[in-house]
Structure formats: structure tokens, C-alpha cells
């Protein structure tokens, strides 16, 4: 298929699902998120090398997440001035920065590296879903599923790649693999240089406010409760497994099992929502994941594996559908909608991690996991208050 000019897409092209272009962005998402997932698995080596306290180490990851507050601003720019080069360059920039972690000689330098990486992450994730939305035609949910599956797979593979790299080249020599990110950016440039993330119908911020307000409250009512469940698993699952008596290997594998299942959930849910409706799939994902969390707390031994698989499939299936919702409801400001969604995720994830940690210190992680499931149930009735979605 010929690459479209930036000026406009024909009506027929706007309704088509442009598979080759979608998969190009999905591949870029996979490479980008593979590199951005290096920080957590390399943290023990960084702590040892720079003699950091646990508080300092935790602060490093916060530096990387902090630029997410810029996401709505980046999205606003992307809707008015196409920022496709942000999407094209981000894999190369992120790869360069994350591969250079071992070269940082002190805490301040490392914090600046991770903060700049966070800016690159925001530069990619605000415009990229808007580009996917433009080339997904009437199958927006399918496009979001493909996009999120690529990211989930990258976050699953990233820790394994990071461990292989430092085992092969040492932490200081990990800069050698940045070349893969640059190759990915070259491919993105070749394939996407004429595709825009910009909306044809521009609106200033005052014109967006009514739509944002109608979407904001129900969206927060879903995102905030759900974040407690997903944060409990993504942050504390290995620790929980160790405290429950699992081996170190099983504790580490549990997170990989959960993430891999999430790739399948992300891949399926958006496509199903195109056929069955967004609210139907959201209700199914939210309710089943909360119930399965309670089941997970009640089983042991080999039963943990199938429960984790289904739990990962359902818990991580919600995000592509929510992305489709915000884009569908704000079709002229897709990148702003994505930016707001990223901002909500950053704020609520940080809050949930802190509160779950406090709860775990006071009453144990088993209780924290139980209450994360109970809080997640709050999101279920909120789904019916989502604005009527455009068809």
C-alpha cells in the first residue's frame, strides 16, 4: 500500500484498517518499551555500583515517571502540529539513554538520564495511539489492541534482554545494544514520514473543556480503582510470592507469566469491543479480574499458574478498550485524550503503590492484595456512566 500524504486521507482510506502501517507502529512500540523496561531489573546492580539507599533507588524510578505530567501538553501539540517525528525518534532516544545507564558515574547523572528517558517515553505514548487511531479506520479497538499488545510484549521481554546484556557485556558495556533502537527509528521514518497524528478539525482548549469534563469523572472512576489491582500485581507480585513461601525463581516467573498473559488480553479485548461494544468488554474485564484476584489469594501450588494466566489476561485487557473510549469520544483531540489518560495513569499508579505499600507494612501484603480487589470492584458500576460512545 502506498504511503498516504499528510494532506488528507480519502473516505475509503479512513475506514480501512491499514495493517502494514499499524504493525509498523506496534513494532516501534515493542522496541521502545523493551528498552524502557530496563530500569527495574538493573536497579540491584545500580544500587551496588553507586552505593545507593533503597529510598534513593526508588526515587530513580520516580524521576523516569515524572515527565508523564507533560503528556497532555504533548498531546495538545500533536493534535495541532503533527508530532510524528516524536514517535519516529523516540525508540532511538530511549534506547540510547537506557543503554547508557552503566556509564553514569553518580546519582545526579543517572537521575538526569532517567528523567530525559521519561520525556522520550511521553513523546512516544501521547501521539502514537492517535496515529494508530487515524489508520485503524472503523476498527479502533483492534488498533488499540495491537498497540497495547506490542507494549506489553516489550515490557515482558525487556527485563530478560537487560539481564542478558549485562551478563554478556557488563553494565558498563550495555551501550552496545542501543543500535537496535536506531534501526527501529529508521524503519519508522521510512514507513511513517508522511502519516500525521494531527486532527483535521482543530479545537482550542476552551472548546475541548465540555467534552473533557463529561469524560473525566467516569474515566477517573474506572482508572483509579482499577489501578490498585494492577499496581499490586505489577509492583508487589514477586515480593508477595516470596512472602507466601514461593522460591525465588517462581517469584520472578510469576510476573513474567502475568505479563505474558496480558499480551493476549490486550490483543483480544479491543477487537472484541469493536464487535460487542466498549462497555460490555469493560464490564467483563473489570469484574472478572477483581474476582480472579480473590481466587488467586485462595489457591496455592501449581494452581497459581493457571489463575495467574487468566488474571493477567483479564486485568490487562481493559487498557486498550479505555484507549479506544477516550479516542472515540474525543475524535478531534485524540492525542490530548491519550495524554490525559497517561497523566491519570501516572498519578494513580504512584498513589496506589504508596498506599498499598503502607497497607502492606501495617497488615501484610495478603491483606493489601485483598483490598486492591475490593477497591477494583468500585469501577464496575461506573462503566454505565461513560458518555455515549460514537459508532
Foldseek 3Di string as FASTA:
>chain_A
DDADFQPDDDLVQQQAQPVVLLVLLLLLLLLLLLLVLLLVLCLVVVCVLAVDDPVLSVVLVVLLQVCLLCQLVLLLCQQVPFLLLLQLCLLLLSLQLSLQLLVDPHSVSSSVSSNVNSNSVSSNQLLSLLLLNRRRRLLSLLSLLSNVLSNLNSSLCNSVVSVVQCVVQNSNRSSVPSVVSVVSSVSSCVRPVRGGSYFPDRDDPVVCVVLCVLAVVLVLLQQQLLLLQVLLCQPCQLVQCVVVPDDNVVSVVLSSLLSNLLSQLSNPQSSVCSPPNLLVSLLVLLVVLLVLLVVCLVDDDPVNNVSSSVNSSSSNNNVSSVLSQQCQSCVSSSSSSSSVVSVSSSVSSVVSNVVLVVVCVVPRNSVSSNVSSVSSVSSNVSSVSRPDGDD
